[in-house]
C-alpha atoms as a PDB file:
ATOM      1  CA  MET A   1     120.644  67.479 145.417  1.00  0.00           C
ATOM      2  CA  LYS A   2     123.502  69.845 144.654  1.00  0.00           C
ATOM      3  CA  ILE A   3     122.554  72.786 142.445  1.00  0.00           C
ATOM      4  CA  GLU A   4     125.216  75.120 141.110  1.00  0.00           C
ATOM      5  CA  ILE A   5     124.616  78.392 139.304  1.00  0.00           C
ATOM      6  CA  LEU A   6     127.502  79.228 136.997  1.00  0.00           C
ATOM      7  CA  GLY A   7     128.057  82.850 136.105  1.00  0.00           C
ATOM      8  CA  SER A   8     130.168  85.902 136.550  1.00  0.00           C
ATOM      9  CA  GLY A   9     127.937  87.308 139.273  1.00  0.00           C
ATOM     10  CA  CYS A  10     125.968  89.518 136.905  1.00  0.00           C
ATOM     11  CA  LYS A  11     122.349  90.460 137.588  1.00  0.00           C
ATOM     12  CA  LYS A  12     121.005  87.630 135.393  1.00  0.00           C
ATOM     13  CA  CYS A  13     123.073  85.088 137.309  1.00  0.00           C
ATOM     14  CA  THR A  14     122.044  86.495 140.680  1.00  0.00           C
ATOM     15  CA  ASN A  15     118.375  86.544 139.703  1.00  0.00           C
ATOM     16  CA  LEU A  16     118.624  82.984 138.380  1.00  0.00           C
ATOM     17  CA  ALA A  17     120.119  81.806 141.684  1.00  0.00           C
ATOM     18  CA  THR A  18     117.267  83.469 143.567  1.00  0.00           C
ATOM     19  CA  ASP A  19     114.652  81.926 141.257  1.00  0.00           C
ATOM     20  CA  VAL A  20     116.175  78.441 141.523  1.00  0.00           C
ATOM     21  CA  GLU A  21     116.357  78.675 145.310  1.00  0.00           C
ATOM     22  CA  GLN A  22     112.735  79.801 145.626  1.00  0.00           C
ATOM     23  CA  ILE A  23     111.444  77.115 143.257  1.00  0.00           C
ATOM     24  CA  ALA A  24     113.446  74.337 144.938  1.00  0.00           C
ATOM     25  CA  GLN A  25     112.086  75.446 148.326  1.00  0.00           C
ATOM     26  CA  ARG A  26     108.538  75.516 146.969  1.00  0.00           C
ATOM     27  CA  LEU A  27     109.013  71.987 145.609  1.00  0.00           C
ATOM     28  CA  ALA A  28     110.280  70.905 149.054  1.00  0.00           C
ATOM     29  CA  VAL A  29     113.444  69.477 147.537  1.00  0.00           C
ATOM     30  CA  ASN A  30     116.419  68.815 149.782  1.00  0.00           C
ATOM     31  CA  PHE A  31     119.120  70.832 148.067  1.00  0.00           C
ATOM     32  CA  GLU A  32     122.366  72.716 148.442  1.00  0.00           C
ATOM     33  CA  LEU A  33     122.793  75.816 146.268  1.00  0.00           C
ATOM     34  CA  LYS A  34     126.208  77.110 145.297  1.00  0.00           C
ATOM     35  CA  LYS A  35     127.094  80.064 143.092  1.00  0.00           C
ATOM     36  CA  VAL A  36     130.200  79.457 140.989  1.00  0.00           C
ATOM     37  CA  THR A  37     131.843  82.629 139.691  1.00  0.00           C
ATOM     38  CA  ASP A  38     135.349  81.302 139.043  1.00  0.00           C
ATOM     39  CA  MET A  39     135.747  81.237 135.263  1.00  0.00           C
ATOM     40  CA  ALA A  40     138.200  78.298 135.370  1.00  0.00           C
ATOM     41  CA  ALA A  41     135.652  76.244 137.322  1.00  0.00           C
ATOM     42  CA  ILE A  42     132.931  77.255 134.862  1.00  0.00           C
ATOM     43  CA  MET A  43     135.138  76.232 131.927  1.00  0.00           C
ATOM     44  CA  ASP A  44     135.723  72.855 133.604  1.00  0.00           C
ATOM     45  CA  TYR A  45     132.029  72.163 132.985  1.00  0.00           C
ATOM     46  CA  GLY A  46     132.487  73.037 129.307  1.00  0.00           C
ATOM     47  CA  VAL A  47     130.140  75.987 129.657  1.00  0.00           C
ATOM     48  CA  MET A  48     130.945  78.753 127.202  1.00  0.00           C
ATOM     49  CA  SER A  49     127.943  80.966 127.865  1.00  0.00           C
ATOM     50  CA  THR A  50     126.429  81.875 131.212  1.00  0.00           C
ATOM     51  CA  PRO A  51     124.314  81.744 133.221  1.00  0.00           C
ATOM     52  CA  ALA A  52     124.183  78.001 133.565  1.00  0.00           C
ATOM     53  CA  ILE A  53     122.571  75.535 135.940  1.00  0.00           C
ATOM     54  CA  VAL A  54     124.352  72.385 137.058  1.00  0.00           C
ATOM     55  CA  ILE A  55     122.463  69.752 139.015  1.00  0.00           C
ATOM     56  CA  ASP A  56     124.484  66.980 140.661  1.00  0.00           C
ATOM     57  CA  GLY A  57     127.388  67.622 138.297  1.00  0.00           C
ATOM     58  CA  THR A  58     125.368  67.703 135.076  1.00  0.00           C
ATOM     59  CA  VAL A  59     124.876  70.895 133.083  1.00  0.00           C
ATOM     60  CA  VAL A  60     121.107  71.135 132.545  1.00  0.00           C
ATOM     61  CA  SER A  61     120.916  74.670 131.160  1.00  0.00           C
ATOM     62  CA  ALA A  62     123.438  77.121 129.725  1.00  0.00           C
ATOM     63  CA  GLY A  63     123.459  80.431 127.936  1.00  0.00           C
ATOM     64  CA  SER A  64     119.999  81.602 128.870  1.00  0.00           C
ATOM     65  CA  VAL A  65     117.725  82.253 131.807  1.00  0.00           C
ATOM     66  CA  PRO A  66     115.083  79.519 131.865  1.00  0.00           C
ATOM     67  CA  SER A  67     111.501  80.376 132.725  1.00  0.00           C
ATOM     68  CA  HIS A  68     110.144  79.448 136.141  1.00  0.00           C
ATOM     69  CA  THR A  69     108.279  76.549 134.517  1.00  0.00           C
ATOM     70  CA  GLU A  70     111.486  75.286 132.902  1.00  0.00           C
ATOM     71  CA  ILE A  71     113.404  75.575 136.186  1.00  0.00           C
ATOM     72  CA  GLU A  72     110.664  73.641 137.956  1.00  0.00           C
ATOM     73  CA  GLN A  73     110.849  70.907 135.296  1.00  0.00           C
ATOM     74  CA  LEU A  74     114.640  70.676 135.572  1.00  0.00           C
ATOM     75  CA  ILE A  75     114.524  70.344 139.349  1.00  0.00           C
ATOM     76  CA  THR A  76     111.639  67.876 139.272  1.00  0.00           C
ATOM     77  CA  GLN A  77     113.385  65.676 136.692  1.00  0.00           C
ATOM     78  CA  ALA A  78     116.609  65.675 138.718  1.00  0.00           C
ATOM     79  CA  SER A  79     114.699  64.952 141.910  1.00  0.00           C
ATOM     80  CA  ASN A  80     112.881  62.006 140.327  1.00  0.00           C
ATOM     81  CA  ALA A  81     116.203  60.609 139.105  1.00  0.00           C
ATOM     82  CA  HIS A  82     117.313  60.049 142.719  1.00  0.00           C
END
């Protein structure tokens, strides 16, 4: 699973990347995490507000920092879709 964190590199984006990585590891999901800070690349996803989470090319969250429970649900749903 490819997980991308879209954001300018602010503290919220950095913390979100850390949270997502820790939760994905705890769930024992095979994943690749990438931080995307290039605004043109972020706009290509149609994201107007960051931070955002993209899983396998689909924007699953944007404009807020999801709770740990929400992140777990997003990763679990994407994992089950494989």
